[in-house]
Amino acid sequence: MSDVVIVALISSATAIVVALIPQIFPERKEDSAATNGDSISELKKENGALKKENVEKQEIIDYYRKRDK
């Protein structure tokens, strides 16, 4: 066989192997909360609650800072 044919066969085989790798080894996607629409709304509610808690704690911190001055 000529060198050109060998290079073409190697290139073809490589392309096929590269194309098959994702099917042989699929990505393992964990079910994250951000992928589900219901979970996104739950995260938004939780985020709102955490912001409210943060504001309350900041008020307490500000009170003690003013008191200690």
PDB file of N, CA and C in Angstrom:
ATOM      1  N   MET A   1       0.842  -1.183   0.000  1.00  0.00           N
ATOM      2  CA  MET A   1       0.000   0.000   0.000  1.00  0.00           C
ATOM      3  C   MET A   1       0.883   1.240   0.000  1.00  0.00           C
ATOM      4  N   SER A   2       0.354   2.239  -0.594  1.00  0.00           N
ATOM      5  CA  SER A   2       1.140   3.476  -0.612  1.00  0.00           C
ATOM      6  C   SER A   2       0.955   4.216   0.716  1.00  0.00           C
ATOM      7  N   ASP A   3       1.838   5.115   0.954  1.00  0.00           N
ATOM      8  CA  ASP A   3       1.801   5.878   2.197  1.00  0.00           C
ATOM      9  C   ASP A   3       0.516   6.693   2.321  1.00  0.00           C
ATOM     10  N   VAL A   4       0.004   7.187   1.235  1.00  0.00           N
ATOM     11  CA  VAL A   4      -1.213   8.005   1.266  1.00  0.00           C
ATOM     12  C   VAL A   4      -2.403   7.175   1.734  1.00  0.00           C
ATOM     13  N   VAL A   5      -2.497   5.951   1.285  1.00  0.00           N
ATOM     14  CA  VAL A   5      -3.598   5.074   1.681  1.00  0.00           C
ATOM     15  C   VAL A   5      -3.494   4.752   3.165  1.00  0.00           C
ATOM     16  N   ILE A   6      -2.317   4.485   3.650  1.00  0.00           N
ATOM     17  CA  ILE A   6      -2.107   4.175   5.076  1.00  0.00           C
ATOM     18  C   ILE A   6      -2.496   5.373   5.936  1.00  0.00           C
ATOM     19  N   VAL A   7      -2.077   6.568   5.534  1.00  0.00           N
ATOM     20  CA  VAL A   7      -2.421   7.779   6.290  1.00  0.00           C
ATOM     21  C   VAL A   7      -3.933   7.993   6.279  1.00  0.00           C
ATOM     22  N   ALA A   8      -4.572   7.756   5.161  1.00  0.00           N
ATOM     23  CA  ALA A   8      -6.024   7.911   5.061  1.00  0.00           C
ATOM     24  C   ALA A   8      -6.744   6.914   5.966  1.00  0.00           C
ATOM     25  N   LEU A   9      -6.272   5.677   6.004  1.00  0.00           N
ATOM     26  CA  LEU A   9      -6.885   4.666   6.872  1.00  0.00           C
ATOM     27  C   LEU A   9      -6.707   5.016   8.353  1.00  0.00           C
ATOM     28  N   ILE A  10      -5.517   5.464   8.709  1.00  0.00           N
ATOM     29  CA  ILE A  10      -5.259   5.850  10.099  1.00  0.00           C
ATOM     30  C   ILE A  10      -6.127   7.038  10.481  1.00  0.00           C
ATOM     31  N   SER A  11      -6.255   8.013   9.599  1.00  0.00           N
ATOM     32  CA  SER A  11      -7.091   9.186   9.876  1.00  0.00           C
ATOM     33  C   SER A  11      -8.553   8.795  10.037  1.00  0.00           C
ATOM     34  N   SER A  12      -9.020   7.927   9.176  1.00  0.00           N
ATOM     35  CA  SER A  12     -10.417   7.471   9.257  1.00  0.00           C
ATOM     36  C   SER A  12     -10.666   6.716  10.555  1.00  0.00           C
ATOM     37  N   ALA A  13      -9.761   5.820  10.880  1.00  0.00           N
ATOM     38  CA  ALA A  13      -9.910   5.040  12.109  1.00  0.00           C
ATOM     39  C   ALA A  13      -9.886   5.946  13.332  1.00  0.00           C
ATOM     40  N   THR A  14      -9.009   6.924  13.336  1.00  0.00           N
ATOM     41  CA  THR A  14      -8.928   7.864  14.457  1.00  0.00           C
ATOM     42  C   THR A  14     -10.218   8.658  14.585  1.00  0.00           C
ATOM     43  N   ALA A  15     -10.765   9.128  13.483  1.00  0.00           N
ATOM     44  CA  ALA A  15     -12.012   9.892  13.501  1.00  0.00           C
ATOM     45  C   ALA A  15     -13.160   9.050  14.038  1.00  0.00           C
ATOM     46  N   ILE A  16     -13.207   7.792  13.652  1.00  0.00           N
ATOM     47  CA  ILE A  16     -14.265   6.904  14.144  1.00  0.00           C
ATOM     48  C   ILE A  16     -14.124   6.672  15.638  1.00  0.00           C
ATOM     49  N   VAL A  17     -12.914   6.429  16.093  1.00  0.00           N
ATOM     50  CA  VAL A  17     -12.686   6.199  17.526  1.00  0.00           C
ATOM     51  C   VAL A  17     -13.050   7.442  18.327  1.00  0.00           C
ATOM     52  N   VAL A  18     -12.642   8.606  17.847  1.00  0.00           N
ATOM     53  CA  VAL A  18     -12.952   9.850  18.558  1.00  0.00           C
ATOM     54  C   VAL A  18     -14.460  10.077  18.592  1.00  0.00           C
ATOM     55  N   ALA A  19     -15.159   9.738  17.531  1.00  0.00           N
ATOM     56  CA  ALA A  19     -16.608   9.899  17.500  1.00  0.00           C
ATOM     57  C   ALA A  19     -17.313   8.927  18.439  1.00  0.00           C
ATOM     58  N   LEU A  20     -16.734   7.758  18.663  1.00  0.00           N
ATOM     59  CA  LEU A  20     -17.370   6.751  19.507  1.00  0.00           C
ATOM     60  C   LEU A  20     -17.062   6.907  20.994  1.00  0.00           C
ATOM     61  N   ILE A  21     -16.027   7.640  21.337  1.00  0.00           N
ATOM     62  CA  ILE A  21     -15.629   7.776  22.748  1.00  0.00           C
ATOM     63  C   ILE A  21     -16.772   8.306  23.617  1.00  0.00           C
ATOM     64  N   PRO A  22     -17.494   9.369  23.222  1.00  0.00           N
ATOM     65  CA  PRO A  22     -18.598   9.836  24.089  1.00  0.00           C
ATOM     66  C   PRO A  22     -19.703   8.802  24.270  1.00  0.00           C
ATOM     67  N   GLN A  23     -19.898   7.931  23.284  1.00  0.00           N
ATOM     68  CA  GLN A  23     -20.922   6.904  23.433  1.00  0.00           C
ATOM     69  C   GLN A  23     -20.447   5.768  24.313  1.00  0.00           C
ATOM     70  N   ILE A  24     -19.162   5.475  24.265  1.00  0.00           N
ATOM     71  CA  ILE A  24     -18.608   4.405  25.090  1.00  0.00           C
ATOM     72  C   ILE A  24     -18.507   4.850  26.548  1.00  0.00           C
ATOM     73  N   PHE A  25     -18.050   6.084  26.758  1.00  0.00           N
ATOM     74  CA  PHE A  25     -17.877   6.640  28.100  1.00  0.00           C
ATOM     75  C   PHE A  25     -18.759   7.875  28.240  1.00  0.00           C
ATOM     76  N   PRO A  26     -20.051   7.689  28.500  1.00  0.00           N
ATOM     77  CA  PRO A  26     -20.932   8.862  28.616  1.00  0.00           C
ATOM     78  C   PRO A  26     -20.593   9.684  29.853  1.00  0.00           C
ATOM     79  N   GLU A  27     -20.872  10.983  29.761  1.00  0.00           N
ATOM     80  CA  GLU A  27     -20.618  11.850  30.914  1.00  0.00           C
ATOM     81  C   GLU A  27     -21.579  11.473  32.015  1.00  0.00           C
ATOM     82  N   ARG A  28     -21.064  11.473  33.198  1.00  0.00           N
ATOM     83  CA  ARG A  28     -21.912  11.159  34.341  1.00  0.00           C
ATOM     84  C   ARG A  28     -22.397  12.460  34.931  1.00  0.00           C
ATOM     85  N   LYS A  29     -23.614  12.804  34.587  1.00  0.00           N
ATOM     86  CA  LYS A  29     -24.203  14.049  35.087  1.00  0.00           C
ATOM     87  C   LYS A  29     -25.001  13.721  36.333  1.00  0.00           C
ATOM     88  N   GLU A  30     -24.642  14.383  37.405  1.00  0.00           N
ATOM     89  CA  GLU A  30     -25.397  14.205  38.629  1.00  0.00           C
ATOM     90  C   GLU A  30     -26.652  15.057  38.532  1.00  0.00           C
ATOM     91  N   ASP A  31     -27.707  14.615  39.160  1.00  0.00           N
ATOM     92  CA  ASP A  31     -28.940  15.384  39.143  1.00  0.00           C
ATOM     93  C   ASP A  31     -28.766  16.584  40.061  1.00  0.00           C
ATOM     94  N   SER A  32     -28.329  17.667  39.483  1.00  0.00           N
ATOM     95  CA  SER A  32     -28.147  18.865  40.281  1.00  0.00           C
ATOM     96  C   SER A  32     -29.469  19.583  40.420  1.00  0.00           C
ATOM     97  N   ALA A  33     -29.574  20.376  41.445  1.00  0.00           N
ATOM     98  CA  ALA A  33     -30.819  21.078  41.712  1.00  0.00           C
ATOM     99  C   ALA A  33     -31.112  22.118  40.648  1.00  0.00           C
ATOM    100  N   ALA A  34     -30.103  22.622  39.999  1.00  0.00           N
ATOM    101  CA  ALA A  34     -30.305  23.676  39.017  1.00  0.00           C
ATOM    102  C   ALA A  34     -30.873  23.159  37.700  1.00  0.00           C
ATOM    103  N   THR A  35     -30.914  21.867  37.487  1.00  0.00           N
ATOM    104  CA  THR A  35     -31.425  21.340  36.226  1.00  0.00           C
ATOM    105  C   THR A  35     -32.928  21.166  36.234  1.00  0.00           C
ATOM    106  N   ASN A  36     -33.545  21.172  37.386  1.00  0.00           N
ATOM    107  CA  ASN A  36     -34.974  20.938  37.496  1.00  0.00           C
ATOM    108  C   ASN A  36     -35.689  22.254  37.758  1.00  0.00           C
ATOM    109  N   GLY A  37     -36.761  22.527  37.028  1.00  0.00           N
ATOM    110  CA  GLY A  37     -37.493  23.784  37.185  1.00  0.00           C
ATOM    111  C   GLY A  37     -38.049  23.960  38.583  1.00  0.00           C
ATOM    112  N   ASP A  38     -38.583  22.887  39.163  1.00  0.00           N
ATOM    113  CA  ASP A  38     -39.123  22.973  40.521  1.00  0.00           C
ATOM    114  C   ASP A  38     -38.020  23.283  41.513  1.00  0.00           C
ATOM    115  N   SER A  39     -36.870  22.696  41.299  1.00  0.00           N
ATOM    116  CA  SER A  39     -35.753  22.918  42.204  1.00  0.00           C
ATOM    117  C   SER A  39     -35.260  24.361  42.120  1.00  0.00           C
ATOM    118  N   ILE A  40     -35.351  24.968  40.934  1.00  0.00           N
ATOM    119  CA  ILE A  40     -34.923  26.353  40.789  1.00  0.00           C
ATOM    120  C   ILE A  40     -35.812  27.253  41.631  1.00  0.00           C
ATOM    121  N   SER A  41     -37.121  27.016  41.604  1.00  0.00           N
ATOM    122  CA  SER A  41     -38.016  27.838  42.424  1.00  0.00           C
ATOM    123  C   SER A  41     -37.750  27.605  43.910  1.00  0.00           C
ATOM    124  N   GLU A  42     -37.439  26.365  44.273  1.00  0.00           N
ATOM    125  CA  GLU A  42     -37.103  26.083  45.663  1.00  0.00           C
ATOM    126  C   GLU A  42     -35.818  26.805  46.062  1.00  0.00           C
ATOM    127  N   LEU A  43     -34.839  26.829  45.166  1.00  0.00           N
ATOM    128  CA  LEU A  43     -33.593  27.529  45.460  1.00  0.00           C
ATOM    129  C   LEU A  43     -33.821  29.021  45.594  1.00  0.00           C
ATOM    130  N   LYS A  44     -34.717  29.581  44.778  1.00  0.00           N
ATOM    131  CA  LYS A  44     -35.027  31.009  44.881  1.00  0.00           C
ATOM    132  C   LYS A  44     -35.675  31.317  46.226  1.00  0.00           C
ATOM    133  N   LYS A  45     -36.592  30.449  46.663  1.00  0.00           N
ATOM    134  CA  LYS A  45     -37.220  30.648  47.971  1.00  0.00           C
ATOM    135  C   LYS A  45     -36.179  30.566  49.084  1.00  0.00           C
ATOM    136  N   GLU A  46     -35.312  29.582  48.980  1.00  0.00           N
ATOM    137  CA  GLU A  46     -34.267  29.415  49.994  1.00  0.00           C
ATOM    138  C   GLU A  46     -33.326  30.615  49.997  1.00  0.00           C
ATOM    139  N   ASN A  47     -33.009  31.114  48.797  1.00  0.00           N
ATOM    140  CA  ASN A  47     -32.139  32.281  48.689  1.00  0.00           C
ATOM    141  C   ASN A  47     -32.788  33.494  49.344  1.00  0.00           C
ATOM    142  N   GLY A  48     -34.082  33.683  49.126  1.00  0.00           N
ATOM    143  CA  GLY A  48     -34.805  34.794  49.754  1.00  0.00           C
ATOM    144  C   GLY A  48     -34.785  34.673  51.269  1.00  0.00           C
ATOM    145  N   ALA A  49     -34.992  33.463  51.773  1.00  0.00           N
ATOM    146  CA  ALA A  49     -34.972  33.253  53.221  1.00  0.00           C
ATOM    147  C   ALA A  49     -33.585  33.529  53.793  1.00  0.00           C
ATOM    148  N   LEU A  50     -32.542  33.118  53.069  1.00  0.00           N
ATOM    149  CA  LEU A  50     -31.179  33.360  53.545  1.00  0.00           C
ATOM    150  C   LEU A  50     -30.852  34.853  53.529  1.00  0.00           C
ATOM    151  N   LYS A  51     -31.340  35.567  52.518  1.00  0.00           N
ATOM    152  CA  LYS A  51     -31.117  37.015  52.477  1.00  0.00           C
ATOM    153  C   LYS A  51     -31.789  37.700  53.659  1.00  0.00           C
ATOM    154  N   LYS A  52     -33.019  37.270  53.968  1.00  0.00           N
ATOM    155  CA  LYS A  52     -33.740  37.847  55.106  1.00  0.00           C
ATOM    156  C   LYS A  52     -32.985  37.561  56.402  1.00  0.00           C
ATOM    157  N   GLU A  53     -32.511  36.337  56.552  1.00  0.00           N
ATOM    158  CA  GLU A  53     -31.746  35.975  57.747  1.00  0.00           C
ATOM    159  C   GLU A  53     -30.466  36.796  57.835  1.00  0.00           C
ATOM    160  N   ASN A  54     -29.823  37.024  56.689  1.00  0.00           N
ATOM    161  CA  ASN A  54     -28.605  37.815  56.656  1.00  0.00           C
ATOM    162  C   ASN A  54     -28.869  39.253  57.100  1.00  0.00           C
ATOM    163  N   VAL A  55     -29.988  39.820  56.646  1.00  0.00           N
ATOM    164  CA  VAL A  55     -30.341  41.183  57.031  1.00  0.00           C
ATOM    165  C   VAL A  55     -30.575  41.263  58.543  1.00  0.00           C
ATOM    166  N   GLU A  56     -31.279  40.277  59.088  1.00  0.00           N
ATOM    167  CA  GLU A  56     -31.538  40.261  60.531  1.00  0.00           C
ATOM    168  C   GLU A  56     -30.231  40.170  61.325  1.00  0.00           C
ATOM    169  N   LYS A  57     -29.336  39.311  60.873  1.00  0.00           N
ATOM    170  CA  LYS A  57     -28.060  39.172  61.583  1.00  0.00           C
ATOM    171  C   LYS A  57     -27.221  40.435  61.451  1.00  0.00           C
ATOM    172  N   GLN A  58     -27.285  41.090  60.296  1.00  0.00           N
ATOM    173  CA  GLN A  58     -26.536  42.324  60.104  1.00  0.00           C
ATOM    174  C   GLN A  58     -27.067  43.417  61.024  1.00  0.00           C
ATOM    175  N   GLU A  59     -28.390  43.449  61.238  1.00  0.00           N
ATOM    176  CA  GLU A  59     -28.966  44.419  62.170  1.00  0.00           C
ATOM    177  C   GLU A  59     -28.443  44.184  63.582  1.00  0.00           C
ATOM    178  N   ILE A  60     -28.335  42.921  63.986  1.00  0.00           N
ATOM    179  CA  ILE A  60     -27.806  42.590  65.309  1.00  0.00           C
ATOM    180  C   ILE A  60     -26.350  43.032  65.413  1.00  0.00           C
ATOM    181  N   ILE A  61     -25.567  42.772  64.380  1.00  0.00           N
ATOM    182  CA  ILE A  61     -24.164  43.166  64.372  1.00  0.00           C
ATOM    183  C   ILE A  61     -24.040  44.681  64.466  1.00  0.00           C
ATOM    184  N   ASP A  62     -24.851  45.397  63.690  1.00  0.00           N
ATOM    185  CA  ASP A  62     -24.821  46.859  63.726  1.00  0.00           C
ATOM    186  C   ASP A  62     -25.198  47.391  65.100  1.00  0.00           C
ATOM    187  N   TYR A  63     -26.183  46.768  65.752  1.00  0.00           N
ATOM    188  CA  TYR A  63     -26.594  47.184  67.090  1.00  0.00           C
ATOM    189  C   TYR A  63     -25.424  47.072  68.067  1.00  0.00           C
ATOM    190  N   TYR A  64     -24.737  45.946  68.058  1.00  0.00           N
ATOM    191  CA  TYR A  64     -23.632  45.755  68.994  1.00  0.00           C
ATOM    192  C   TYR A  64     -22.439  46.645  68.642  1.00  0.00           C
ATOM    193  N   ARG A  65     -22.223  46.945  67.392  1.00  0.00           N
ATOM    194  CA  ARG A  65     -21.152  47.870  67.020  1.00  0.00           C
ATOM    195  C   ARG A  65     -21.444  49.263  67.544  1.00  0.00           C
ATOM    196  N   LYS A  66     -22.688  49.718  67.402  1.00  0.00           N
ATOM    197  CA  LYS A  66     -23.066  51.047  67.903  1.00  0.00           C
ATOM    198  C   LYS A  66     -22.984  51.084  69.426  1.00  0.00           C
ATOM    199  N   ARG A  67     -23.404  50.002  70.069  1.00  0.00           N
ATOM    200  CA  ARG A  67     -23.405  49.952  71.516  1.00  0.00           C
ATOM    201  C   ARG A  67     -21.988  49.984  72.087  1.00  0.00           C
ATOM    202  N   ASP A  68     -21.046  49.325  71.389  1.00  0.00           N
ATOM    203  CA  ASP A  68     -19.682  49.229  71.884  1.00  0.00           C
ATOM    204  C   ASP A  68     -18.881  50.501  71.655  1.00  0.00           C
ATOM    205  N   LYS A  69     -19.359  51.406  70.819  1.00  0.00           N
ATOM    206  CA  LYS A  69     -18.604  52.642  70.543  1.00  0.00           C
ATOM    207  C   LYS A  69     -18.641  53.597  71.691  1.00  0.00           C
TER     208      LYS A  69
END
